[in-house]
């Protein structure tokens, strides 16, 4: 989390929605071989618990059960040129971004919980594709589904620490922040420009 209190994000409901909307992030954990990361989709199992899975062949998989995990989700980001502030000097280049970090103990799922989590994950993504008919595991050949479930390992993390950052220029006067947002958007970073214009 960014050390400047101006950028701290503490609204858990909003962070939960942010993680749900992106649905993908990086899971970091210690291993005997050093820190490792897996890039994985995620789904909320309840308001305080995320579910995710990794390939059985991923070296991190055998070290996750009982480990403290750190799951990070990075949202829109973009470079900010000092020229865009229009203040005539005294500013430095920076990078604006939105990110959430979730920390907690990892617990391995049994096969039934893994199957339910995969159903929840696919439902979360498939519902966004409406009016396309929703894909479900019921459409799969049972043997193939069994093979696919055997190739992955599911984990749940009960989130014990939430850290959010919205670094959007909130420490600048509004006119300066909005001028920078125009520059960021003109540079092709529309999503972070939108956040800069709507930092609350």
C-alpha atoms as a PDB file:
ATOM      1  CA  UNK A   1       0.000   0.000   0.000  1.00  0.00           C
ATOM      2  CA  UNK A   2       1.272   3.465  -0.824  1.00  0.00           C
ATOM      3  CA  UNK A   3       2.557   5.244   2.305  1.00  0.00           C
ATOM      4  CA  UNK A   4       0.766   8.529   1.529  1.00  0.00           C
ATOM      5  CA  UNK A   5      -2.522   8.504   3.507  1.00  0.00           C
ATOM      6  CA  UNK A   6      -4.172  10.497   0.692  1.00  0.00           C
ATOM      7  CA  UNK A   7      -4.045   7.393  -1.480  1.00  0.00           C
ATOM      8  CA  UNK A   8      -5.253   4.867   1.078  1.00  0.00           C
ATOM      9  CA  UNK A   9      -8.371   2.924   0.146  1.00  0.00           C
ATOM     10  CA  UNK A  10     -10.221   1.400   3.085  1.00  0.00           C
ATOM     11  CA  UNK A  11     -13.739   0.793   1.731  1.00  0.00           C
ATOM     12  CA  UNK A  12     -13.895  -3.010   1.838  1.00  0.00           C
ATOM     13  CA  UNK A  13     -17.138  -3.239  -0.116  1.00  0.00           C
ATOM     14  CA  UNK A  14     -15.635  -1.148  -2.923  1.00  0.00           C
ATOM     15  CA  UNK A  15     -12.420  -3.176  -2.865  1.00  0.00           C
ATOM     16  CA  UNK A  16     -14.440  -6.390  -2.989  1.00  0.00           C
ATOM     17  CA  UNK A  17     -16.298  -5.106  -6.061  1.00  0.00           C
ATOM     18  CA  UNK A  18     -12.989  -4.068  -7.655  1.00  0.00           C
ATOM     19  CA  UNK A  19     -11.531  -7.560  -7.182  1.00  0.00           C
ATOM     20  CA  UNK A  20     -14.754  -9.119  -8.470  1.00  0.00           C
ATOM     21  CA  UNK A  21     -14.807  -6.905 -11.551  1.00  0.00           C
ATOM     22  CA  UNK A  22     -11.219  -7.664 -12.555  1.00  0.00           C
ATOM     23  CA  UNK A  23     -11.353 -11.293 -11.446  1.00  0.00           C
ATOM     24  CA  UNK A  24      -7.634 -11.959 -11.932  1.00  0.00           C
ATOM     25  CA  UNK A  25      -4.467 -11.291  -9.990  1.00  0.00           C
ATOM     26  CA  UNK A  26      -1.168 -12.531  -8.630  1.00  0.00           C
ATOM     27  CA  UNK A  27      -0.796 -14.858  -5.641  1.00  0.00           C
ATOM     28  CA  UNK A  28       2.523 -14.565  -3.805  1.00  0.00           C
ATOM     29  CA  UNK A  29       3.729 -17.067  -1.216  1.00  0.00           C
ATOM     30  CA  UNK A  30       6.978 -18.151   0.404  1.00  0.00           C
ATOM     31  CA  UNK A  31       8.435 -21.526  -0.583  1.00  0.00           C
ATOM     32  CA  UNK A  32      11.641 -23.363   0.351  1.00  0.00           C
ATOM     33  CA  UNK A  33      12.933 -22.259  -3.053  1.00  0.00           C
ATOM     34  CA  UNK A  34      12.224 -18.597  -2.315  1.00  0.00           C
ATOM     35  CA  UNK A  35       9.159 -16.423  -2.929  1.00  0.00           C
ATOM     36  CA  UNK A  36       6.954 -17.547  -5.808  1.00  0.00           C
ATOM     37  CA  UNK A  37       3.974 -16.105  -7.672  1.00  0.00           C
ATOM     38  CA  UNK A  38       1.059 -17.631  -9.565  1.00  0.00           C
ATOM     39  CA  UNK A  39      -1.175 -15.577 -11.861  1.00  0.00           C
ATOM     40  CA  UNK A  40      -4.716 -16.823 -11.316  1.00  0.00           C
ATOM     41  CA  UNK A  41      -8.412 -16.047 -11.646  1.00  0.00           C
ATOM     42  CA  UNK A  42     -10.289 -15.486  -8.398  1.00  0.00           C
ATOM     43  CA  UNK A  43     -13.862 -15.558  -7.128  1.00  0.00           C
ATOM     44  CA  UNK A  44     -15.407 -14.446  -3.833  1.00  0.00           C
ATOM     45  CA  UNK A  45     -16.774 -17.423  -1.888  1.00  0.00           C
ATOM     46  CA  UNK A  46     -18.226 -15.097   0.746  1.00  0.00           C
ATOM     47  CA  UNK A  47     -17.552 -11.511   1.861  1.00  0.00           C
ATOM     48  CA  UNK A  48     -14.240 -12.433   3.520  1.00  0.00           C
ATOM     49  CA  UNK A  49     -13.044 -15.456   1.521  1.00  0.00           C
ATOM     50  CA  UNK A  50     -11.608 -15.807  -1.970  1.00  0.00           C
ATOM     51  CA  UNK A  51     -11.262 -19.003  -3.955  1.00  0.00           C
ATOM     52  CA  UNK A  52      -8.630 -19.690  -6.584  1.00  0.00           C
ATOM     53  CA  UNK A  53      -6.816 -22.564  -8.233  1.00  0.00           C
ATOM     54  CA  UNK A  54      -3.375 -23.286  -9.593  1.00  0.00           C
ATOM     55  CA  UNK A  55      -2.047 -25.906 -11.929  1.00  0.00           C
ATOM     56  CA  UNK A  56      -0.996 -29.029 -10.056  1.00  0.00           C
ATOM     57  CA  UNK A  57       2.315 -28.768 -11.904  1.00  0.00           C
ATOM     58  CA  UNK A  58       2.981 -25.242 -10.644  1.00  0.00           C
ATOM     59  CA  UNK A  59       5.802 -25.370  -8.095  1.00  0.00           C
ATOM     60  CA  UNK A  60       3.888 -23.094  -5.732  1.00  0.00           C
ATOM     61  CA  UNK A  61       0.992 -25.578  -5.394  1.00  0.00           C
ATOM     62  CA  UNK A  62       2.688 -27.966  -2.977  1.00  0.00           C
ATOM     63  CA  UNK A  63       3.668 -25.152  -0.601  1.00  0.00           C
ATOM     64  CA  UNK A  64       0.404 -23.218  -0.312  1.00  0.00           C
ATOM     65  CA  UNK A  65      -1.631 -25.212   2.188  1.00  0.00           C
ATOM     66  CA  UNK A  66      -1.226 -23.456   5.542  1.00  0.00           C
ATOM     67  CA  UNK A  67       1.012 -20.727   4.112  1.00  0.00           C
ATOM     68  CA  UNK A  68       0.325 -17.011   4.348  1.00  0.00           C
ATOM     69  CA  UNK A  69      -0.629 -15.837   0.877  1.00  0.00           C
ATOM     70  CA  UNK A  70      -0.706 -12.364  -0.589  1.00  0.00           C
ATOM     71  CA  UNK A  71      -3.130 -11.874  -3.474  1.00  0.00           C
ATOM     72  CA  UNK A  72      -2.807  -8.651  -5.468  1.00  0.00           C
ATOM     73  CA  UNK A  73      -5.082  -7.158  -8.088  1.00  0.00           C
ATOM     74  CA  UNK A  74      -3.810  -4.326 -10.251  1.00  0.00           C
ATOM     75  CA  UNK A  75      -6.349  -2.116 -11.942  1.00  0.00           C
ATOM     76  CA  UNK A  76      -5.873   0.744 -14.379  1.00  0.00           C
ATOM     77  CA  UNK A  77      -2.553   2.559 -14.316  1.00  0.00           C
ATOM     78  CA  UNK A  78      -0.670   5.162 -16.296  1.00  0.00           C
ATOM     79  CA  UNK A  79       2.319   7.466 -16.452  1.00  0.00           C
ATOM     80  CA  UNK A  80       1.725  11.119 -15.531  1.00  0.00           C
ATOM     81  CA  UNK A  81       3.986  13.726 -17.148  1.00  0.00           C
ATOM     82  CA  UNK A  82       4.737  16.852 -15.080  1.00  0.00           C
ATOM     83  CA  UNK A  83       3.881  18.912 -18.179  1.00  0.00           C
ATOM     84  CA  UNK A  84       0.231  17.902 -17.892  1.00  0.00           C
ATOM     85  CA  UNK A  85      -0.264  19.593 -14.523  1.00  0.00           C
ATOM     86  CA  UNK A  86       0.073  23.023 -16.094  1.00  0.00           C
ATOM     87  CA  UNK A  87       1.701  24.429 -12.980  1.00  0.00           C
ATOM     88  CA  UNK A  88       4.847  25.722 -14.673  1.00  0.00           C
ATOM     89  CA  UNK A  89       7.377  23.564 -12.844  1.00  0.00           C
ATOM     90  CA  UNK A  90       8.095  22.041  -9.486  1.00  0.00           C
ATOM     91  CA  UNK A  91       6.416  18.726 -10.306  1.00  0.00           C
ATOM     92  CA  UNK A  92       8.032  15.368 -11.062  1.00  0.00           C
ATOM     93  CA  UNK A  93       6.922  12.415 -13.217  1.00  0.00           C
ATOM     94  CA  UNK A  94       4.790   9.837 -11.441  1.00  0.00           C
ATOM     95  CA  UNK A  95       2.626   6.799 -12.088  1.00  0.00           C
ATOM     96  CA  UNK A  96      -1.010   6.652 -11.020  1.00  0.00           C
ATOM     97  CA  UNK A  97      -2.690   3.329 -10.332  1.00  0.00           C
ATOM     98  CA  UNK A  98      -5.384   1.423  -8.463  1.00  0.00           C
ATOM     99  CA  UNK A  99      -4.507  -1.767  -6.584  1.00  0.00           C
ATOM    100  CA  UNK A 100      -5.782  -4.074  -3.851  1.00  0.00           C
ATOM    101  CA  UNK A 101      -3.785  -6.501  -1.714  1.00  0.00           C
ATOM    102  CA  UNK A 102      -5.491  -9.303   0.206  1.00  0.00           C
ATOM    103  CA  UNK A 103      -3.595 -11.348   2.782  1.00  0.00           C
ATOM    104  CA  UNK A 104      -4.589 -14.513   4.598  1.00  0.00           C
ATOM    105  CA  UNK A 105      -3.892 -18.162   5.314  1.00  0.00           C
ATOM    106  CA  UNK A 106      -4.250 -20.521   2.364  1.00  0.00           C
ATOM    107  CA  UNK A 107      -6.292 -23.709   2.837  1.00  0.00           C
ATOM    108  CA  UNK A 108      -6.462 -26.471   0.268  1.00  0.00           C
ATOM    109  CA  UNK A 109      -9.929 -27.426  -0.975  1.00  0.00           C
ATOM    110  CA  UNK A 110     -11.229 -30.942  -1.309  1.00  0.00           C
ATOM    111  CA  UNK A 111     -12.443 -32.143  -4.697  1.00  0.00           C
ATOM    112  CA  UNK A 112     -16.104 -31.197  -4.139  1.00  0.00           C
ATOM    113  CA  UNK A 113     -15.200 -27.683  -2.982  1.00  0.00           C
ATOM    114  CA  UNK A 114     -12.884 -27.291  -5.989  1.00  0.00           C
ATOM    115  CA  UNK A 115     -15.675 -28.291  -8.387  1.00  0.00           C
ATOM    116  CA  UNK A 116     -18.086 -25.855  -6.698  1.00  0.00           C
ATOM    117  CA  UNK A 117     -15.500 -23.075  -6.876  1.00  0.00           C
ATOM    118  CA  UNK A 118     -14.916 -23.683 -10.594  1.00  0.00           C
ATOM    119  CA  UNK A 119     -18.691 -23.489 -11.121  1.00  0.00           C
ATOM    120  CA  UNK A 120     -18.835 -20.205  -9.173  1.00  0.00           C
ATOM    121  CA  UNK A 121     -15.876 -18.790 -11.089  1.00  0.00           C
ATOM    122  CA  UNK A 122     -17.286 -19.666 -14.500  1.00  0.00           C
ATOM    123  CA  UNK A 123     -20.723 -18.357 -13.506  1.00  0.00           C
ATOM    124  CA  UNK A 124     -19.213 -15.022 -12.423  1.00  0.00           C
ATOM    125  CA  UNK A 125     -17.534 -14.590 -15.799  1.00  0.00           C
ATOM    126  CA  UNK A 126     -20.193 -16.155 -18.022  1.00  0.00           C
ATOM    127  CA  UNK A 127     -23.001 -13.969 -16.663  1.00  0.00           C
ATOM    128  CA  UNK A 128     -21.157 -10.965 -18.099  1.00  0.00           C
ATOM    129  CA  UNK A 129     -21.458 -12.428 -21.587  1.00  0.00           C
ATOM    130  CA  UNK A 130     -25.263 -12.381 -21.666  1.00  0.00           C
ATOM    131  CA  UNK A 131     -27.266 -12.759 -23.783  1.00  0.00           C
ATOM    132  CA  UNK A 132     -24.892 -15.600 -24.737  1.00  0.00           C
ATOM    133  CA  UNK A 133     -26.179 -18.809 -23.136  1.00  0.00           C
ATOM    134  CA  UNK A 134     -24.122 -19.523 -20.034  1.00  0.00           C
ATOM    135  CA  UNK A 135     -21.434 -22.172 -20.248  1.00  0.00           C
ATOM    136  CA  UNK A 136     -21.404 -24.591 -17.316  1.00  0.00           C
ATOM    137  CA  UNK A 137     -19.407 -27.680 -16.477  1.00  0.00           C
ATOM    138  CA  UNK A 138     -22.585 -29.667 -17.180  1.00  0.00           C
ATOM    139  CA  UNK A 139     -21.764 -29.124 -20.859  1.00  0.00           C
ATOM    140  CA  UNK A 140     -18.487 -31.022 -20.476  1.00  0.00           C
ATOM    141  CA  UNK A 141     -17.861 -34.704 -20.981  1.00  0.00           C
ATOM    142  CA  UNK A 142     -17.759 -36.158 -17.436  1.00  0.00           C
ATOM    143  CA  UNK A 143     -14.440 -37.945 -17.985  1.00  0.00           C
ATOM    144  CA  UNK A 144     -12.822 -34.825 -19.408  1.00  0.00           C
ATOM    145  CA  UNK A 145     -14.122 -32.730 -16.490  1.00  0.00           C
ATOM    146  CA  UNK A 146     -12.676 -35.261 -14.053  1.00  0.00           C
ATOM    147  CA  UNK A 147      -9.306 -35.060 -15.818  1.00  0.00           C
ATOM    148  CA  UNK A 148      -9.317 -31.266 -15.760  1.00  0.00           C
ATOM    149  CA  UNK A 149     -10.183 -31.132 -12.049  1.00  0.00           C
ATOM    150  CA  UNK A 150      -7.344 -33.554 -11.385  1.00  0.00           C
ATOM    151  CA  UNK A 151      -4.899 -31.195 -13.101  1.00  0.00           C
ATOM    152  CA  UNK A 152      -5.563 -28.268 -10.735  1.00  0.00           C
ATOM    153  CA  UNK A 153      -5.502 -27.625  -6.996  1.00  0.00           C
ATOM    154  CA  UNK A 154      -8.039 -25.345  -5.358  1.00  0.00           C
ATOM    155  CA  UNK A 155      -7.409 -23.067  -2.394  1.00  0.00           C
ATOM    156  CA  UNK A 156      -9.405 -20.714  -0.265  1.00  0.00           C
ATOM    157  CA  UNK A 157      -8.049 -17.678   1.532  1.00  0.00           C
ATOM    158  CA  UNK A 158      -9.917 -16.139   4.428  1.00  0.00           C
ATOM    159  CA  UNK A 159      -8.835 -12.529   4.111  1.00  0.00           C
ATOM    160  CA  UNK A 160      -7.334 -11.206   7.339  1.00  0.00           C
ATOM    161  CA  UNK A 161      -5.726  -8.036   5.955  1.00  0.00           C
ATOM    162  CA  UNK A 162      -7.029  -5.664   3.290  1.00  0.00           C
ATOM    163  CA  UNK A 163      -4.793  -3.009   1.734  1.00  0.00           C
ATOM    164  CA  UNK A 164      -5.993  -0.757  -1.022  1.00  0.00           C
ATOM    165  CA  UNK A 165      -4.343   2.042  -2.958  1.00  0.00           C
ATOM    166  CA  UNK A 166      -5.944   4.594  -5.282  1.00  0.00           C
ATOM    167  CA  UNK A 167      -3.085   6.863  -6.348  1.00  0.00           C
ATOM    168  CA  UNK A 168      -4.986   9.353  -8.476  1.00  0.00           C
ATOM    169  CA  UNK A 169      -3.487  12.743  -7.698  1.00  0.00           C
ATOM    170  CA  UNK A 170      -5.751  13.394  -4.711  1.00  0.00           C
ATOM    171  CA  UNK A 171      -2.865  15.335  -3.152  1.00  0.00           C
ATOM    172  CA  UNK A 172      -3.100  17.939  -5.959  1.00  0.00           C
ATOM    173  CA  UNK A 173      -5.626  20.774  -6.401  1.00  0.00           C
ATOM    174  CA  UNK A 174      -8.675  19.599  -8.355  1.00  0.00           C
ATOM    175  CA  UNK A 175      -7.905  21.696 -11.450  1.00  0.00           C
ATOM    176  CA  UNK A 176      -4.363  20.308 -11.586  1.00  0.00           C
ATOM    177  CA  UNK A 177      -5.577  16.708 -11.149  1.00  0.00           C
ATOM    178  CA  UNK A 178      -8.182  17.137 -13.897  1.00  0.00           C
ATOM    179  CA  UNK A 179      -5.615  18.668 -16.259  1.00  0.00           C
ATOM    180  CA  UNK A 180      -3.368  15.669 -15.661  1.00  0.00           C
ATOM    181  CA  UNK A 181      -6.319  13.338 -16.312  1.00  0.00           C
ATOM    182  CA  UNK A 182      -6.787  14.985 -19.713  1.00  0.00           C
ATOM    183  CA  UNK A 183      -3.134  14.351 -20.525  1.00  0.00           C
ATOM    184  CA  UNK A 184      -3.334  10.747 -19.345  1.00  0.00           C
ATOM    185  CA  UNK A 185      -6.423  10.129 -21.481  1.00  0.00           C
ATOM    186  CA  UNK A 186      -4.818  11.747 -24.532  1.00  0.00           C
ATOM    187  CA  UNK A 187      -1.960   9.300 -24.003  1.00  0.00           C
ATOM    188  CA  UNK A 188      -4.405   6.389 -24.389  1.00  0.00           C
ATOM    189  CA  UNK A 189      -4.986   5.564 -20.708  1.00  0.00           C
ATOM    190  CA  UNK A 190      -8.718   6.224 -20.555  1.00  0.00           C
ATOM    191  CA  UNK A 191      -9.469   3.959 -17.584  1.00  0.00           C
ATOM    192  CA  UNK A 192      -7.040   5.563 -15.141  1.00  0.00           C
ATOM    193  CA  UNK A 193      -8.083   9.015 -16.398  1.00  0.00           C
ATOM    194  CA  UNK A 194     -11.672   8.135 -15.436  1.00  0.00           C
ATOM    195  CA  UNK A 195     -10.536   7.189 -11.928  1.00  0.00           C
ATOM    196  CA  UNK A 196      -8.525  10.433 -11.673  1.00  0.00           C
ATOM    197  CA  UNK A 197     -11.653  12.420 -12.478  1.00  0.00           C
ATOM    198  CA  UNK A 198     -13.684  10.441  -9.943  1.00  0.00           C
ATOM    199  CA  UNK A 199     -11.321   9.714  -7.032  1.00  0.00           C
ATOM    200  CA  UNK A 200     -13.998   9.289  -4.362  1.00  0.00           C
END
